[in-house]
N, C-alpha and C. Protein backbone atom coordinates (compact mmCIF):
# COMPACT_ATOMS: atom_id res chain seq x y z
N MET A 1 0.87 -0.99 0.04
CA MET A 1 0.19 -0.23 -0.03
C MET A 1 0.79 1.20 0.17
N ARG A 2 2.27 1.26 0.76
CA ARG A 2 2.77 2.09 0.90
C ARG A 2 3.44 2.18 -0.68
N GLU A 3 3.41 1.89 -1.26
CA GLU A 3 3.79 2.76 -2.68
C GLU A 3 3.24 2.95 -3.44
N VAL A 4 1.42 3.07 -3.08
CA VAL A 4 0.64 3.86 -4.07
C VAL A 4 0.60 5.53 -3.32
N PHE A 5 0.36 5.27 -2.15
CA PHE A 5 -0.05 6.18 -1.11
C PHE A 5 1.33 7.21 -1.18
N LEU A 6 0.47 8.55 -1.71
CA LEU A 6 1.69 9.80 -1.16
C LEU A 6 2.37 9.18 0.55
N PRO A 7 3.78 9.82 0.38
CA PRO A 7 3.97 9.40 1.92
C PRO A 7 3.41 10.25 3.44
N VAL A 8 1.97 10.94 3.05
CA VAL A 8 1.38 11.77 3.66
C VAL A 8 -0.13 11.32 3.61
N GLY A 9 -0.56 10.15 2.06
CA GLY A 9 -1.83 9.74 2.48
C GLY A 9 -2.13 9.18 3.25
N GLN A 10 -3.90 9.51 3.56
CA GLN A 10 -4.49 9.68 4.47
C GLN A 10 -5.93 8.77 3.92
N LEU A 11 -6.31 7.66 5.00
CA LEU A 11 -7.55 7.28 5.03
C LEU A 11 -8.29 7.41 5.95
N ILE A 12 -9.60 7.96 5.62
CA ILE A 12 -10.43 8.13 6.88
C ILE A 12 -11.68 6.95 6.63
N PRO A 13 -12.11 6.38 7.73
CA PRO A 13 -12.80 5.76 7.32
C PRO A 13 -14.27 6.27 7.91
N PRO A 14 -15.60 5.43 8.22
CA PRO A 14 -16.50 6.10 8.70
C PRO A 14 -17.01 6.73 9.93
N LYS A 15 -17.54 7.67 10.27
CA LYS A 15 -17.36 8.20 11.51
C LYS A 15 -18.20 7.37 12.24
N ARG A 16 -17.89 6.40 13.65
CA ARG A 16 -18.30 5.98 14.32
C ARG A 16 -20.14 6.56 15.05
N PRO A 17 -20.59 5.82 15.19
CA PRO A 17 -21.90 6.53 15.76
C PRO A 17 -21.19 7.15 17.12
N ASN A 18 -20.50 6.39 18.01
CA ASN A 18 -20.02 7.08 19.40
C ASN A 18 -19.01 7.77 19.45
N GLU A 19 -18.61 8.32 18.09
CA GLU A 19 -17.56 9.24 18.03
C GLU A 19 -17.65 10.14 17.53
N ASP A 20 -17.23 11.64 17.78
CA ASP A 20 -17.73 12.73 17.41
C ASP A 20 -16.81 13.30 16.47
N ARG A 21 -15.62 12.82 16.11
CA ARG A 21 -14.62 12.98 15.05
C ARG A 21 -14.40 11.97 14.07
N PHE A 22 -14.04 12.13 12.91
CA PHE A 22 -13.98 11.42 11.95
C PHE A 22 -12.28 10.72 12.51
N THR A 23 -11.86 9.61 12.61
CA THR A 23 -10.68 8.76 12.62
C THR A 23 -9.74 9.34 11.06
N VAL A 24 -8.46 10.02 10.96
CA VAL A 24 -7.82 9.94 10.12
C VAL A 24 -6.40 8.78 10.59
N LEU A 25 -6.35 7.90 9.33
CA LEU A 25 -5.08 7.26 9.49
C LEU A 25 -3.60 7.48 8.48
N ASP A 26 -2.90 6.73 8.98
CA ASP A 26 -1.93 7.00 7.61
C ASP A 26 -2.18 5.65 7.61
N VAL A 27 -1.32 4.80 6.49
CA VAL A 27 -1.04 4.04 5.78
C VAL A 27 -0.68 3.17 6.84
N ASP A 28 0.40 3.39 7.76
CA ASP A 28 0.45 1.77 9.08
C ASP A 28 -0.57 2.23 9.93
N GLY A 29 -1.42 2.73 10.06
CA GLY A 29 -2.23 3.40 11.11
C GLY A 29 -3.53 1.89 10.59
N PHE A 30 -3.32 2.45 9.18
CA PHE A 30 -4.78 1.72 8.91
C PHE A 30 -4.39 0.24 8.97
N GLN A 31 -3.39 -0.59 8.35
CA GLN A 31 -2.80 -1.68 9.04
C GLN A 31 -3.07 -2.18 9.74
N GLU A 32 -2.75 -1.38 10.41
CA GLU A 32 -2.88 -2.02 12.40
C GLU A 32 -4.14 -2.08 12.86
N ARG A 33 -5.03 -0.85 12.52
CA ARG A 33 -6.50 -0.90 12.69
C ARG A 33 -7.18 -2.47 12.20
N VAL A 34 -6.59 -2.71 10.77
CA VAL A 34 -7.13 -4.01 10.42
C VAL A 34 -6.68 -5.23 10.95
N ARG A 35 -5.45 -5.45 11.48
CA ARG A 35 -4.72 -6.16 12.06
C ARG A 35 -5.38 -6.64 13.46
N LYS A 36 -5.83 -5.70 14.37
CA LYS A 36 -6.53 -5.30 15.33
C LYS A 36 -7.88 -6.03 15.74
N GLY A 37 -8.82 -5.28 14.05
CA GLY A 37 -10.23 -5.77 13.93
C GLY A 37 -10.35 -7.27 13.78
N SER A 38 -9.40 -7.72 12.72
CA SER A 38 -9.74 -8.99 12.37
C SER A 38 -9.15 -10.05 13.84
N ALA A 39 -7.92 -9.69 14.63
CA ALA A 39 -7.88 -10.75 15.63
C ALA A 39 -8.96 -10.43 16.64
N ALA A 40 -9.46 -9.02 17.14
CA ALA A 40 -10.78 -9.25 17.89
C ALA A 40 -12.00 -10.33 17.17
N ALA A 41 -12.25 -10.09 15.64
CA ALA A 41 -13.04 -10.83 15.29
C ALA A 41 -12.52 -12.47 15.57
N LYS A 42 -11.56 -12.63 15.34
CA LYS A 42 -10.95 -14.42 15.11
C LYS A 42 -11.51 -14.47 16.32
N ALA A 43 -10.80 -13.59 17.37
CA ALA A 43 -10.84 -14.40 19.09
C ALA A 43 -12.41 -14.66 19.65
N LYS A 44 -13.31 -13.70 18.51
CA LYS A 44 -15.07 -13.77 18.77
C LYS A 44 -15.14 -14.83 18.42
N GLY A 45 -14.41 -15.88 17.41
CA GLY A 45 -15.19 -16.48 16.59
C GLY A 45 -15.90 -16.05 15.09
N ASP A 46 -16.12 -15.01 14.98
CA ASP A 46 -16.41 -14.43 13.97
C ASP A 46 -15.68 -14.59 12.57
N PRO A 47 -16.23 -14.31 11.55
CA PRO A 47 -15.38 -14.38 10.02
C PRO A 47 -14.26 -13.39 9.90
N THR A 48 -13.54 -13.93 9.25
CA THR A 48 -12.14 -12.56 9.08
C THR A 48 -11.87 -12.49 7.76
N ALA A 49 -12.58 -13.50 6.50
CA ALA A 49 -12.26 -13.11 5.24
C ALA A 49 -12.58 -11.71 4.94
N PHE A 50 -12.28 -11.11 3.58
CA PHE A 50 -12.79 -9.89 3.62
C PHE A 50 -12.34 -9.57 1.93
N PHE A 51 -13.41 -9.44 1.27
CA PHE A 51 -13.21 -9.83 -0.73
C PHE A 51 -14.33 -8.25 -0.81
N GLU A 52 -13.50 -7.32 -1.99
CA GLU A 52 -14.27 -6.09 -1.69
C GLU A 52 -14.08 -6.36 -3.42
N LYS A 53 -15.32 -6.41 -4.10
CA LYS A 53 -15.40 -5.83 -5.61
C LYS A 53 -15.72 -4.42 -5.84
N GLU A 54 -15.23 -3.69 -6.77
CA GLU A 54 -15.82 -2.75 -7.48
C GLU A 54 -17.11 -3.30 -8.02
N VAL A 55 -17.81 -2.39 -8.00
CA VAL A 55 -19.09 -2.75 -9.03
C VAL A 55 -19.35 -1.61 -9.41
N ALA A 56 -19.06 0.22 -9.65
CA ALA A 56 -19.58 0.68 -10.36
C ALA A 56 -17.97 2.09 -10.23
N ARG A 57 -17.85 2.24 -10.92
CA ARG A 57 -16.70 4.01 -10.96
C ARG A 57 -17.34 4.79 -11.78
N GLN A 58 -17.09 6.23 -11.19
CA GLN A 58 -17.46 7.64 -11.60
C GLN A 58 -15.78 8.13 -11.72
N THR A 59 -14.92 8.51 -12.49
CA THR A 59 -13.94 9.44 -12.30
C THR A 59 -13.84 10.88 -12.93
N ASP A 60 -13.09 11.84 -12.30
CA ASP A 60 -13.08 13.19 -13.18
C ASP A 60 -11.78 13.51 -12.35
N CYS A 61 -11.44 13.63 -13.57
CA CYS A 61 -9.93 14.36 -13.69
C CYS A 61 -9.52 16.11 -14.35
N PHE A 62 -9.01 16.53 -13.64
CA PHE A 62 -8.13 17.70 -14.63
C PHE A 62 -6.81 17.93 -14.31
N GLY A 63 -6.38 18.01 -15.30
CA GLY A 63 -4.86 17.94 -15.13
C GLY A 63 -4.35 16.94 -14.11
N ASN A 64 -3.72 17.31 -13.33
CA ASN A 64 -2.84 15.94 -12.40
C ASN A 64 -3.24 15.91 -11.14
N VAL A 65 -4.99 15.88 -11.18
CA VAL A 65 -5.63 15.29 -9.99
C VAL A 65 -6.78 14.66 -10.66
N CYS A 66 -7.06 14.12 -9.97
CA CYS A 66 -8.39 12.98 -9.98
C CYS A 66 -9.35 12.48 -8.97
N GLN A 67 -10.44 12.87 -9.07
CA GLN A 67 -11.34 12.12 -7.80
C GLN A 67 -12.38 10.72 -8.59
N VAL A 68 -11.78 10.32 -7.50
CA VAL A 68 -12.77 8.66 -8.35
C VAL A 68 -13.92 8.01 -7.35
N PHE A 69 -14.98 8.21 -7.18
CA PHE A 69 -16.15 7.79 -6.47
C PHE A 69 -16.20 6.60 -7.05
N SER A 70 -15.84 5.47 -6.25
CA SER A 70 -15.55 3.50 -6.44
C SER A 70 -17.08 3.12 -5.26
N THR A 71 -17.82 2.39 -6.01
CA THR A 71 -18.69 1.75 -5.50
C THR A 71 -18.20 0.54 -5.46
N TYR A 72 -18.31 -0.14 -3.90
CA TYR A 72 -17.98 -1.18 -3.99
C TYR A 72 -18.81 -2.29 -2.84
N GLU A 73 -18.52 -3.53 -3.26
CA GLU A 73 -19.33 -4.54 -2.51
C GLU A 73 -18.54 -5.53 -1.95
N ALA A 74 -18.98 -5.91 -0.17
CA ALA A 74 -17.91 -7.01 0.27
C ALA A 74 -18.12 -7.68 0.78
N ARG A 75 -17.24 -9.24 0.87
CA ARG A 75 -18.27 -10.49 0.73
C ARG A 75 -16.87 -11.49 1.88
N ARG A 76 -17.85 -12.18 2.84
CA ARG A 76 -16.72 -12.98 3.53
C ARG A 76 -16.07 -13.97 2.54
N ASP A 77 -16.72 -14.50 1.12
CA ASP A 77 -16.52 -15.67 0.20
C ASP A 77 -16.85 -14.60 -1.14
N PRO A 78 -16.24 -14.99 -2.03
CA PRO A 78 -16.11 -14.40 -2.96
C PRO A 78 -17.60 -14.95 -3.75
N SER A 79 -18.19 -16.05 -3.57
CA SER A 79 -19.08 -16.90 -3.82
C SER A 79 -20.15 -16.58 -2.85
N ASP A 80 -20.39 -15.87 -2.47
CA ASP A 80 -21.43 -15.12 -1.61
C ASP A 80 -22.57 -14.56 -2.30
N ALA A 81 -23.54 -14.99 -2.42
CA ALA A 81 -24.57 -14.82 -3.29
C ALA A 81 -25.10 -12.47 -3.06
N LYS A 82 -24.67 -12.51 -1.54
CA LYS A 82 -25.01 -11.13 -1.19
C LYS A 82 -24.08 -10.08 -0.48
N PRO A 83 -23.70 -8.94 -0.87
CA PRO A 83 -22.71 -8.75 0.10
C PRO A 83 -22.89 -8.63 1.70
N PHE A 84 -22.07 -8.14 2.81
CA PHE A 84 -22.20 -8.45 3.91
C PHE A 84 -22.44 -6.73 4.16
N VAL A 85 -21.50 -5.93 3.21
CA VAL A 85 -21.74 -4.69 3.61
C VAL A 85 -21.00 -3.51 1.81
N SER A 86 -22.05 -2.86 1.53
CA SER A 86 -21.34 -2.11 0.52
C SER A 86 -21.42 -0.70 0.94
N GLY A 87 -20.72 0.30 -0.28
CA GLY A 87 -20.55 1.72 -0.15
C GLY A 87 -19.69 2.44 -1.22
N ILE A 88 -19.16 3.51 -1.02
CA ILE A 88 -18.78 4.22 -1.58
C ILE A 88 -16.75 4.65 -0.99
N ASN A 89 -15.93 4.33 -1.89
CA ASN A 89 -14.70 4.60 -1.34
C ASN A 89 -14.54 6.02 -2.78
N SER A 90 -14.30 7.49 -1.96
CA SER A 90 -13.86 8.40 -2.30
C SER A 90 -12.48 8.18 -2.03
N ILE A 91 -11.84 8.33 -3.59
CA ILE A 91 -10.55 8.18 -3.60
C ILE A 91 -9.75 9.20 -4.49
N GLN A 92 -8.60 10.23 -4.22
CA GLN A 92 -8.37 11.76 -4.21
C GLN A 92 -6.44 11.30 -5.05
N LEU A 93 -6.35 11.11 -5.81
CA LEU A 93 -5.82 10.78 -7.13
C LEU A 93 -4.76 12.10 -7.26
N VAL A 94 -3.31 12.08 -7.41
CA VAL A 94 -2.29 12.99 -7.81
C VAL A 94 -1.46 12.22 -8.91
N ARG A 95 -0.53 13.27 -9.79
CA ARG A 95 0.26 12.62 -10.48
C ARG A 95 1.14 13.61 -10.94
N ASP A 96 2.52 12.95 -10.39
CA ASP A 96 3.75 13.36 -10.76
C ASP A 96 4.39 13.05 -12.05
N GLU A 97 5.89 13.49 -12.17
CA GLU A 97 6.47 12.67 -12.83
C GLU A 97 6.92 11.03 -13.15
N THR A 98 6.58 10.40 -11.65
CA THR A 98 6.68 9.44 -11.53
C THR A 98 5.50 8.42 -11.66
N GLY A 99 4.30 9.33 -11.56
CA GLY A 99 3.08 8.15 -12.05
C GLY A 99 1.86 8.99 -10.89
N TRP A 100 0.95 8.18 -11.19
CA TRP A 100 0.02 8.64 -10.04
C TRP A 100 0.09 7.79 -8.91
N HIS A 101 -0.48 8.96 -7.69
CA HIS A 101 -0.21 8.64 -6.29
C HIS A 101 -1.47 8.38 -5.78
N VAL A 102 -2.14 7.79 -4.57
CA VAL A 102 -3.63 7.91 -3.56
C VAL A 102 -2.96 9.30 -2.49
N ALA A 103 -3.64 10.04 -2.53
CA ALA A 103 -3.51 11.14 -1.74
C ALA A 103 -4.28 10.87 -0.58
N SER A 104 -5.38 10.35 -0.77
CA SER A 104 -6.46 9.78 0.11
C SER A 104 -7.37 9.32 -0.28
N VAL A 105 -8.26 8.15 0.60
CA VAL A 105 -8.96 7.49 0.18
C VAL A 105 -10.49 8.04 2.03
N VAL A 106 -11.19 8.14 1.32
CA VAL A 106 -12.46 8.64 2.40
C VAL A 106 -13.52 7.95 1.88
N TRP A 107 -14.13 6.43 2.85
CA TRP A 107 -15.32 6.49 2.07
C TRP A 107 -16.58 6.12 3.45
N ASP A 108 -17.63 5.67 3.40
CA ASP A 108 -18.81 5.61 3.81
C ASP A 108 -19.32 4.70 3.04
N VAL A 109 -20.49 3.64 4.39
CA VAL A 109 -21.16 2.67 3.85
C VAL A 109 -22.51 2.34 3.65
N GLU A 110 -23.36 2.05 2.94
CA GLU A 110 -24.88 2.24 2.61
C GLU A 110 -25.19 1.65 4.01
N ARG A 111 -26.81 2.13 4.11
CA ARG A 111 -26.95 1.87 5.29
C ARG A 111 -28.55 2.36 5.26
N PRO A 112 -29.74 1.99 5.54
CA PRO A 112 -30.86 2.28 5.62
C PRO A 112 -31.19 3.50 5.40
N ASP A 113 -30.38 4.83 6.08
CA ASP A 113 -31.02 6.11 5.94
C ASP A 113 -29.96 6.75 4.87
N ASN A 114 -28.68 6.03 4.73
CA ASN A 114 -27.61 6.34 3.20
C ASN A 114 -27.22 5.74 2.10
N PRO A 115 -28.70 4.91 1.51
CA PRO A 115 -28.60 4.49 0.49
C PRO A 115 -27.33 4.83 -0.67
N ILE A 116 -26.72 4.14 -1.38
CA ILE A 116 -26.34 4.54 -2.71
C ILE A 116 -27.28 4.98 -3.48
N PRO A 117 -26.42 6.77 -4.29
CA PRO A 117 -27.17 6.78 -5.10
C PRO A 117 -27.42 6.32 -6.25
N SER A 118 -28.48 6.41 -6.60
CA SER A 118 -29.01 5.77 -8.72
C SER A 118 -27.29 6.17 -9.28
N GLN A 119 -26.74 7.13 -9.38
CA GLN A 119 -25.48 7.62 -10.14
C GLN A 119 -24.57 6.60 -9.74
N TYR A 120 -24.30 6.39 -8.80
CA TYR A 120 -23.12 5.39 -8.19
C TYR A 120 -23.41 3.81 -8.10
N ALA A 121 -24.67 3.43 -8.42
CA ALA A 121 -25.33 2.39 -7.98
C ALA A 121 -24.48 1.45 -9.71
N ALA A 122 -24.64 0.30 -8.90
CA ALA A 122 -23.92 -1.27 -10.01
C ALA A 122 -24.79 -0.93 -11.45
N LYS A 123 -24.40 -0.91 -12.32
CA LYS A 123 -25.38 -0.99 -13.70
C LYS A 123 -25.88 -2.20 -14.30
N PRO A 124 -26.70 -2.60 -14.40
CA PRO A 124 -27.08 -4.42 -14.72
C PRO A 124 -26.83 -4.51 -15.20
N LYS A 125 -26.15 -5.74 -15.38
CA LYS A 125 -25.70 -6.60 -16.51
C LYS A 125 -26.52 -7.13 -17.51
N PRO A 126 -26.15 -6.29 -19.39
CA PRO A 126 -27.17 -7.03 -20.55
C PRO A 126 -27.41 -8.50 -20.32
């Protein structure tokens, strides 16, 4: 992950209901959060597998800056009929002479009070 992120790249997960502020993580902090969450789930006997698939994308660019809305579905097993969570990743990219780099990723999950807007939803396959 460090290779694709800027050295100061940030990951900002959804704000938890009991928190007053968003959590802002660097790559190391994000990886540690995932490790701790996985260990806690494993200790409780909960599933830890995670397969995320992009189901739609909207990209807007200007010069050396791009904003990508990437709609995703996550499953515990790729063959699961329904995702256990879906949402949208907002990915900010910047380009320099060495290529594209992730500046930040901010995301939110779909909930009954926060449905994925139709313009970002997966398009039905013909």
